Amino acid sequence: MKWLLMALFCAASTPAAAAVDDPDLSWTAGVEARDWVFVGTSAATMMFIKPAPSPADSAYRRVYVRFEEAAPFNRMNFASMASVEVDEIDCAKRSTRVLQITHYAERNMKGESRVDPVDAPMWKVETQGSFGAGILNKSCSTLL
């Protein structure tokens, strides 16, 4: 419960959190943070990151980006409650790209899963206040 209160406090104070009037975040009670760094939340999605292994010769950082959903999210006939991306981060250009996505039928990365490879990963310049900007800010800081 203590981590949930901290997460909600961080969500209210981080630019990565979407502005929502009095959201019902009761669904977040079952989300387990474990070793994930909290990034932000909206009324329907909670987001965390943690470092991922990067190739030794890469100029980019890699992170796992985890999404927990308030309700099942239908992705090509697969209802998922959680997803984990492998993202590549270019801190200098403030850009991200998704390399792979794994969807899970249940929260906390449990239950049936499906991997969706990304055939042609494209760089995206992240705008201030977006979840992507939150990923960049946490990934490019010395905290991660």
N, C-alpha and C. Protein backbone atom coordinates (compact mmCIF):
# COMPACT_ATOMS: atom_id res chain seq x y z
N MET A 1 0.83 -1.19 0.00
CA MET A 1 0.00 0.00 0.00
C MET A 1 0.87 1.26 0.00
N LYS A 2 2.01 1.19 0.71
CA LYS A 2 2.89 2.35 0.79
C LYS A 2 3.39 2.76 -0.60
N TRP A 3 3.79 1.75 -1.43
CA TRP A 3 4.29 2.07 -2.77
C TRP A 3 3.19 2.68 -3.63
N LEU A 4 1.91 2.24 -3.42
CA LEU A 4 0.80 2.78 -4.21
C LEU A 4 0.61 4.25 -3.90
N LEU A 5 0.67 4.61 -2.62
CA LEU A 5 0.53 6.02 -2.25
C LEU A 5 1.67 6.84 -2.85
N MET A 6 2.89 6.27 -2.81
CA MET A 6 4.03 6.97 -3.40
C MET A 6 3.84 7.11 -4.91
N ALA A 7 3.36 6.07 -5.55
CA ALA A 7 3.14 6.10 -6.99
C ALA A 7 2.11 7.16 -7.35
N LEU A 8 1.04 7.22 -6.59
CA LEU A 8 0.01 8.23 -6.88
C LEU A 8 0.53 9.63 -6.65
N PHE A 9 1.36 9.82 -5.60
CA PHE A 9 1.96 11.13 -5.37
C PHE A 9 2.88 11.51 -6.52
N CYS A 10 3.71 10.55 -6.97
CA CYS A 10 4.62 10.81 -8.09
C CYS A 10 3.83 11.11 -9.36
N ALA A 11 2.74 10.41 -9.56
CA ALA A 11 1.93 10.62 -10.76
C ALA A 11 1.39 12.04 -10.80
N ALA A 12 1.02 12.55 -9.65
CA ALA A 12 0.46 13.90 -9.61
C ALA A 12 1.54 14.95 -9.82
N SER A 13 2.80 14.61 -9.55
CA SER A 13 3.86 15.60 -9.64
C SER A 13 4.76 15.45 -10.85
N THR A 14 4.54 14.45 -11.69
CA THR A 14 5.40 14.25 -12.85
C THR A 14 4.74 14.73 -14.13
N PRO A 15 5.50 15.36 -15.04
CA PRO A 15 4.90 15.79 -16.30
C PRO A 15 4.47 14.63 -17.17
N ALA A 16 4.94 13.41 -16.88
CA ALA A 16 4.55 12.26 -17.69
C ALA A 16 3.13 11.80 -17.38
N ALA A 17 2.61 12.23 -16.25
CA ALA A 17 1.25 11.82 -15.88
C ALA A 17 0.24 12.65 -16.64
N ALA A 18 -0.76 11.98 -17.19
CA ALA A 18 -1.80 12.69 -17.91
C ALA A 18 -2.69 13.44 -16.94
N ALA A 19 -3.13 14.61 -17.32
CA ALA A 19 -4.02 15.40 -16.48
C ALA A 19 -5.42 14.82 -16.57
N VAL A 20 -5.93 14.36 -15.44
CA VAL A 20 -7.25 13.76 -15.39
C VAL A 20 -7.95 14.30 -14.16
N ASP A 21 -9.18 14.78 -14.31
CA ASP A 21 -9.94 15.27 -13.17
C ASP A 21 -10.45 14.11 -12.34
N ASP A 22 -9.99 14.01 -11.08
CA ASP A 22 -10.46 13.03 -10.12
C ASP A 22 -10.60 11.63 -10.71
N PRO A 23 -9.51 11.05 -11.20
CA PRO A 23 -9.61 9.71 -11.79
C PRO A 23 -9.86 8.65 -10.73
N ASP A 24 -10.55 7.59 -11.09
CA ASP A 24 -10.73 6.45 -10.21
C ASP A 24 -9.56 5.51 -10.44
N LEU A 25 -8.62 5.52 -9.52
CA LEU A 25 -7.43 4.69 -9.66
C LEU A 25 -7.49 3.46 -8.76
N SER A 26 -8.68 3.07 -8.35
CA SER A 26 -8.81 1.90 -7.48
C SER A 26 -8.27 0.63 -8.16
N TRP A 27 -8.30 0.58 -9.48
CA TRP A 27 -7.80 -0.58 -10.22
C TRP A 27 -6.31 -0.79 -10.02
N THR A 28 -5.57 0.22 -9.61
CA THR A 28 -4.11 0.11 -9.45
C THR A 28 -3.71 -0.68 -8.20
N ALA A 29 -4.67 -0.97 -7.33
CA ALA A 29 -4.35 -1.65 -6.06
C ALA A 29 -3.68 -3.00 -6.26
N GLY A 30 -3.97 -3.71 -7.33
CA GLY A 30 -3.38 -5.02 -7.56
C GLY A 30 -2.09 -5.01 -8.36
N VAL A 31 -1.62 -3.84 -8.75
CA VAL A 31 -0.40 -3.74 -9.56
C VAL A 31 0.82 -3.81 -8.65
N GLU A 32 1.74 -4.73 -8.97
CA GLU A 32 2.96 -4.93 -8.18
C GLU A 32 4.13 -4.20 -8.84
N ALA A 33 4.79 -3.31 -8.10
CA ALA A 33 5.89 -2.53 -8.66
C ALA A 33 7.19 -3.33 -8.70
N ARG A 34 7.47 -4.11 -7.66
CA ARG A 34 8.71 -4.87 -7.52
C ARG A 34 9.93 -4.01 -7.86
N ASP A 35 10.74 -4.40 -8.83
CA ASP A 35 11.98 -3.67 -9.16
C ASP A 35 11.81 -2.70 -10.32
N TRP A 36 10.58 -2.31 -10.61
CA TRP A 36 10.30 -1.36 -11.69
C TRP A 36 10.25 0.06 -11.16
N VAL A 37 10.74 1.03 -11.95
CA VAL A 37 10.70 2.44 -11.60
C VAL A 37 9.41 3.04 -12.15
N PHE A 38 8.63 3.65 -11.27
CA PHE A 38 7.36 4.25 -11.66
C PHE A 38 7.62 5.48 -12.55
N VAL A 39 6.86 5.60 -13.65
CA VAL A 39 7.00 6.74 -14.56
C VAL A 39 5.77 7.64 -14.52
N GLY A 40 4.57 7.06 -14.58
CA GLY A 40 3.38 7.89 -14.57
C GLY A 40 2.11 7.06 -14.68
N THR A 41 0.99 7.74 -14.54
CA THR A 41 -0.29 7.06 -14.64
C THR A 41 -1.32 8.01 -15.24
N SER A 42 -2.32 7.41 -15.82
CA SER A 42 -3.50 8.15 -16.28
C SER A 42 -4.68 7.42 -15.67
N ALA A 43 -5.87 7.75 -16.08
CA ALA A 43 -7.05 7.06 -15.56
C ALA A 43 -7.08 5.60 -15.98
N ALA A 44 -6.40 5.24 -17.08
CA ALA A 44 -6.51 3.89 -17.63
C ALA A 44 -5.20 3.13 -17.74
N THR A 45 -4.04 3.77 -17.53
CA THR A 45 -2.75 3.11 -17.73
C THR A 45 -1.76 3.55 -16.68
N MET A 46 -1.00 2.59 -16.17
CA MET A 46 0.09 2.86 -15.25
C MET A 46 1.37 2.41 -15.95
N MET A 47 2.47 3.19 -15.83
CA MET A 47 3.67 2.87 -16.58
C MET A 47 4.89 2.83 -15.67
N PHE A 48 5.77 1.84 -15.95
CA PHE A 48 7.02 1.64 -15.22
C PHE A 48 8.13 1.36 -16.23
N ILE A 49 9.39 1.54 -15.80
CA ILE A 49 10.54 1.17 -16.64
C ILE A 49 11.60 0.52 -15.78
N LYS A 50 12.51 -0.20 -16.45
CA LYS A 50 13.73 -0.69 -15.82
C LYS A 50 14.75 -0.93 -16.93
N PRO A 51 16.04 -0.93 -16.59
CA PRO A 51 17.08 -1.11 -17.60
C PRO A 51 16.97 -2.46 -18.29
N ALA A 52 17.33 -2.47 -19.57
CA ALA A 52 17.41 -3.70 -20.36
C ALA A 52 18.83 -3.79 -20.90
N PRO A 53 19.31 -4.98 -21.17
CA PRO A 53 20.67 -5.10 -21.74
C PRO A 53 20.75 -4.43 -23.11
N SER A 54 21.82 -3.69 -23.32
CA SER A 54 22.08 -3.04 -24.61
C SER A 54 23.29 -3.69 -25.25
N PRO A 55 23.32 -3.75 -26.57
CA PRO A 55 24.52 -4.26 -27.24
C PRO A 55 25.74 -3.42 -26.85
N ALA A 56 26.87 -4.06 -26.68
CA ALA A 56 28.09 -3.37 -26.23
C ALA A 56 28.49 -2.23 -27.15
N ASP A 57 28.25 -2.35 -28.44
CA ASP A 57 28.67 -1.33 -29.39
C ASP A 57 27.58 -0.29 -29.68
N SER A 58 26.50 -0.31 -28.93
CA SER A 58 25.38 0.60 -29.19
C SER A 58 25.58 1.94 -28.51
N ALA A 59 25.19 3.00 -29.19
CA ALA A 59 25.22 4.35 -28.61
C ALA A 59 23.94 4.66 -27.86
N TYR A 60 23.00 3.71 -27.85
CA TYR A 60 21.69 3.94 -27.26
C TYR A 60 21.49 3.09 -26.02
N ARG A 61 20.63 3.59 -25.14
CA ARG A 61 20.22 2.81 -23.98
C ARG A 61 19.00 1.99 -24.35
N ARG A 62 18.84 0.87 -23.69
CA ARG A 62 17.62 0.08 -23.84
C ARG A 62 16.94 -0.03 -22.48
N VAL A 63 15.63 0.04 -22.52
CA VAL A 63 14.84 -0.10 -21.31
C VAL A 63 13.63 -0.98 -21.60
N TYR A 64 13.17 -1.65 -20.54
CA TYR A 64 11.88 -2.32 -20.60
C TYR A 64 10.85 -1.29 -20.14
N VAL A 65 9.77 -1.15 -20.89
CA VAL A 65 8.69 -0.24 -20.53
C VAL A 65 7.45 -1.10 -20.30
N ARG A 66 6.92 -1.00 -19.10
CA ARG A 66 5.79 -1.85 -18.69
C ARG A 66 4.53 -1.00 -18.53
N PHE A 67 3.44 -1.46 -19.14
CA PHE A 67 2.14 -0.81 -19.04
C PHE A 67 1.17 -1.75 -18.33
N GLU A 68 0.48 -1.24 -17.34
CA GLU A 68 -0.60 -1.96 -16.67
C GLU A 68 -1.89 -1.22 -16.99
N GLU A 69 -2.90 -1.96 -17.42
CA GLU A 69 -4.15 -1.35 -17.90
C GLU A 69 -5.28 -1.48 -16.88
N ALA A 70 -6.19 -0.51 -16.90
CA ALA A 70 -7.37 -0.54 -16.03
C ALA A 70 -8.35 -1.61 -16.47
N ALA A 71 -8.42 -1.87 -17.76
CA ALA A 71 -9.34 -2.85 -18.33
C ALA A 71 -8.64 -3.55 -19.48
N PRO A 72 -9.12 -4.72 -19.87
CA PRO A 72 -8.47 -5.42 -20.99
C PRO A 72 -8.41 -4.55 -22.24
N PHE A 73 -7.27 -4.56 -22.88
CA PHE A 73 -7.04 -3.77 -24.08
C PHE A 73 -6.89 -4.75 -25.24
N ASN A 74 -7.76 -4.66 -26.22
CA ASN A 74 -7.76 -5.61 -27.34
C ASN A 74 -6.70 -5.22 -28.36
N ARG A 75 -5.72 -6.11 -28.50
CA ARG A 75 -4.65 -5.92 -29.48
C ARG A 75 -4.68 -7.10 -30.45
N MET A 76 -5.23 -6.86 -31.62
CA MET A 76 -5.33 -7.89 -32.66
C MET A 76 -5.88 -9.20 -32.12
N ASN A 77 -7.06 -9.13 -31.53
CA ASN A 77 -7.78 -10.29 -30.99
C ASN A 77 -7.07 -10.94 -29.81
N PHE A 78 -6.30 -10.18 -29.06
CA PHE A 78 -5.69 -10.65 -27.82
C PHE A 78 -5.94 -9.59 -26.76
N ALA A 79 -6.77 -9.92 -25.77
CA ALA A 79 -7.10 -8.97 -24.70
C ALA A 79 -5.99 -8.99 -23.66
N SER A 80 -5.29 -7.89 -23.52
CA SER A 80 -4.18 -7.84 -22.57
C SER A 80 -4.46 -6.84 -21.45
N MET A 81 -3.95 -7.17 -20.26
CA MET A 81 -4.03 -6.29 -19.10
C MET A 81 -2.66 -5.68 -18.78
N ALA A 82 -1.61 -6.21 -19.41
CA ALA A 82 -0.26 -5.69 -19.19
C ALA A 82 0.54 -5.89 -20.47
N SER A 83 1.50 -5.01 -20.70
CA SER A 83 2.40 -5.12 -21.85
C SER A 83 3.79 -4.68 -21.42
N VAL A 84 4.80 -5.27 -22.05
CA VAL A 84 6.18 -4.86 -21.82
C VAL A 84 6.83 -4.65 -23.17
N GLU A 85 7.38 -3.46 -23.35
CA GLU A 85 8.11 -3.13 -24.57
C GLU A 85 9.61 -3.19 -24.29
N VAL A 86 10.39 -3.46 -25.32
CA VAL A 86 11.82 -3.22 -25.29
C VAL A 86 12.00 -1.97 -26.14
N ASP A 87 12.44 -0.89 -25.49
CA ASP A 87 12.61 0.39 -26.17
C ASP A 87 14.08 0.76 -26.23
N GLU A 88 14.44 1.42 -27.30
CA GLU A 88 15.77 1.98 -27.45
C GLU A 88 15.64 3.49 -27.26
N ILE A 89 16.61 4.08 -26.56
CA ILE A 89 16.54 5.49 -26.19
C ILE A 89 17.75 6.23 -26.74
N ASP A 90 17.51 7.33 -27.45
CA ASP A 90 18.57 8.23 -27.90
C ASP A 90 18.44 9.49 -27.05
N CYS A 91 19.22 9.56 -25.98
CA CYS A 91 19.11 10.69 -25.04
C CYS A 91 19.47 12.01 -25.71
N ALA A 92 20.46 12.01 -26.58
CA ALA A 92 20.91 13.25 -27.23
C ALA A 92 19.82 13.84 -28.13
N LYS A 93 19.10 12.99 -28.84
CA LYS A 93 18.06 13.47 -29.76
C LYS A 93 16.66 13.42 -29.15
N ARG A 94 16.57 13.01 -27.87
CA ARG A 94 15.29 12.91 -27.15
C ARG A 94 14.27 12.09 -27.94
N SER A 95 14.74 10.92 -28.40
CA SER A 95 13.91 10.04 -29.24
C SER A 95 13.86 8.64 -28.65
N THR A 96 12.79 7.94 -28.98
CA THR A 96 12.63 6.54 -28.59
C THR A 96 12.17 5.73 -29.79
N ARG A 97 12.41 4.41 -29.71
CA ARG A 97 11.83 3.51 -30.69
C ARG A 97 11.56 2.18 -30.01
N VAL A 98 10.47 1.55 -30.40
CA VAL A 98 10.03 0.28 -29.83
C VAL A 98 10.60 -0.84 -30.69
N LEU A 99 11.30 -1.79 -30.05
CA LEU A 99 11.89 -2.92 -30.75
C LEU A 99 11.04 -4.19 -30.67
N GLN A 100 10.32 -4.36 -29.57
CA GLN A 100 9.50 -5.56 -29.37
C GLN A 100 8.45 -5.27 -28.31
N ILE A 101 7.30 -5.93 -28.41
CA ILE A 101 6.24 -5.78 -27.42
C ILE A 101 5.73 -7.17 -27.04
N THR A 102 5.60 -7.40 -25.73
CA THR A 102 4.99 -8.63 -25.23
C THR A 102 3.73 -8.23 -24.47
N HIS A 103 2.61 -8.83 -24.84
CA HIS A 103 1.33 -8.57 -24.18
C HIS A 103 0.99 -9.73 -23.27
N TYR A 104 0.40 -9.42 -22.12
CA TYR A 104 0.02 -10.43 -21.14
C TYR A 104 -1.49 -10.34 -20.87
N ALA A 105 -2.12 -11.51 -20.71
CA ALA A 105 -3.55 -11.56 -20.48
C ALA A 105 -3.93 -11.03 -19.10
N GLU A 106 -3.02 -11.09 -18.14
CA GLU A 106 -3.31 -10.66 -16.78
C GLU A 106 -2.33 -9.58 -16.34
N ARG A 107 -2.72 -8.83 -15.32
CA ARG A 107 -1.83 -7.81 -14.76
C ARG A 107 -0.56 -8.45 -14.20
N ASN A 108 0.44 -7.61 -14.01
CA ASN A 108 1.72 -8.02 -13.43
C ASN A 108 2.43 -9.07 -14.28
N MET A 109 2.25 -8.98 -15.60
CA MET A 109 2.94 -9.83 -16.57
C MET A 109 2.69 -11.31 -16.32
N LYS A 110 1.43 -11.64 -16.09
CA LYS A 110 1.05 -13.03 -15.81
C LYS A 110 0.06 -13.52 -16.85
N GLY A 111 -0.13 -14.83 -16.86
CA GLY A 111 -1.09 -15.44 -17.77
C GLY A 111 -0.52 -15.63 -19.16
N GLU A 112 -1.41 -15.95 -20.07
CA GLU A 112 -1.01 -16.16 -21.46
C GLU A 112 -0.32 -14.91 -21.99
N SER A 113 0.67 -15.10 -22.85
CA SER A 113 1.38 -13.95 -23.42
C SER A 113 1.52 -14.10 -24.93
N ARG A 114 1.76 -12.97 -25.57
CA ARG A 114 1.99 -12.97 -27.02
C ARG A 114 3.05 -11.91 -27.32
N VAL A 115 4.07 -12.29 -28.08
CA VAL A 115 5.13 -11.37 -28.47
C VAL A 115 4.81 -10.80 -29.84
N ASP A 116 4.88 -9.49 -29.94
CA ASP A 116 4.69 -8.79 -31.21
C ASP A 116 6.00 -8.12 -31.60
N PRO A 117 6.78 -8.73 -32.48
CA PRO A 117 8.00 -8.06 -32.93
C PRO A 117 7.64 -6.83 -33.75
N VAL A 118 8.53 -5.89 -33.78
CA VAL A 118 8.34 -4.67 -34.57
C VAL A 118 9.25 -4.80 -35.78
N ASP A 119 8.64 -4.90 -36.96
CA ASP A 119 9.41 -5.16 -38.17
C ASP A 119 10.36 -4.03 -38.56
N ALA A 120 9.92 -2.81 -38.45
CA ALA A 120 10.74 -1.66 -38.83
C ALA A 120 10.66 -0.59 -37.74
N PRO A 121 11.46 -0.74 -36.67
CA PRO A 121 11.41 0.24 -35.58
C PRO A 121 11.73 1.64 -36.08
N MET A 122 10.87 2.58 -35.73
CA MET A 122 11.04 3.97 -36.17
C MET A 122 11.26 4.87 -34.96
N TRP A 123 12.20 5.82 -35.11
CA TRP A 123 12.47 6.78 -34.05
C TRP A 123 11.33 7.78 -33.94
N LYS A 124 10.99 8.12 -32.71
CA LYS A 124 9.95 9.11 -32.45
C LYS A 124 10.50 10.16 -31.49
N VAL A 125 10.46 11.43 -31.89
CA VAL A 125 10.86 12.51 -31.00
C VAL A 125 9.72 12.70 -30.00
N GLU A 126 10.03 12.62 -28.72
CA GLU A 126 9.00 12.67 -27.68
C GLU A 126 8.67 14.11 -27.29
N THR A 127 7.39 14.38 -27.15
CA THR A 127 6.93 15.72 -26.78
C THR A 127 6.81 15.84 -25.27
N GLN A 128 7.11 17.03 -24.77
CA GLN A 128 7.05 17.31 -23.34
C GLN A 128 5.68 16.97 -22.79
N GLY A 129 5.63 16.30 -21.64
CA GLY A 129 4.38 15.97 -20.99
C GLY A 129 3.80 14.62 -21.40
N SER A 130 4.41 13.94 -22.36
CA SER A 130 3.90 12.64 -22.81
C SER A 130 4.52 11.52 -21.98
N PHE A 131 3.92 10.32 -22.07
CA PHE A 131 4.53 9.16 -21.44
C PHE A 131 5.93 8.94 -22.01
N GLY A 132 6.10 9.16 -23.31
CA GLY A 132 7.41 9.00 -23.94
C GLY A 132 8.45 9.93 -23.34
N ALA A 133 8.06 11.16 -23.03
CA ALA A 133 8.97 12.10 -22.38
C ALA A 133 9.33 11.61 -20.99
N GLY A 134 8.39 11.00 -20.31
CA GLY A 134 8.67 10.42 -18.99
C GLY A 134 9.68 9.30 -19.08
N ILE A 135 9.54 8.46 -20.12
CA ILE A 135 10.51 7.39 -20.35
C ILE A 135 11.90 7.98 -20.56
N LEU A 136 11.98 9.00 -21.42
CA LEU A 136 13.27 9.65 -21.69
C LEU A 136 13.87 10.25 -20.43
N ASN A 137 13.06 10.99 -19.68
CA ASN A 137 13.58 11.66 -18.49
C ASN A 137 14.14 10.66 -17.49
N LYS A 138 13.43 9.56 -17.25
CA LYS A 138 13.90 8.54 -16.30
C LYS A 138 15.08 7.76 -16.89
N SER A 139 15.01 7.41 -18.16
CA SER A 139 16.05 6.58 -18.78
C SER A 139 17.36 7.33 -18.93
N CYS A 140 17.29 8.60 -19.20
CA CYS A 140 18.51 9.39 -19.45
C CYS A 140 19.09 10.01 -18.19
N SER A 141 18.38 9.88 -17.08
CA SER A 141 18.91 10.39 -15.82
C SER A 141 19.86 9.36 -15.23
N THR A 142 20.57 9.75 -14.22
CA THR A 142 21.50 8.82 -13.56
C THR A 142 20.76 7.89 -12.60
N LEU A 143 19.44 8.07 -12.44
CA LEU A 143 18.67 7.26 -11.50
C LEU A 143 18.40 5.86 -12.02
N LEU A 144 18.53 5.64 -13.32
CA LEU A 144 18.19 4.33 -13.89
C LEU A 144 19.43 3.63 -14.38
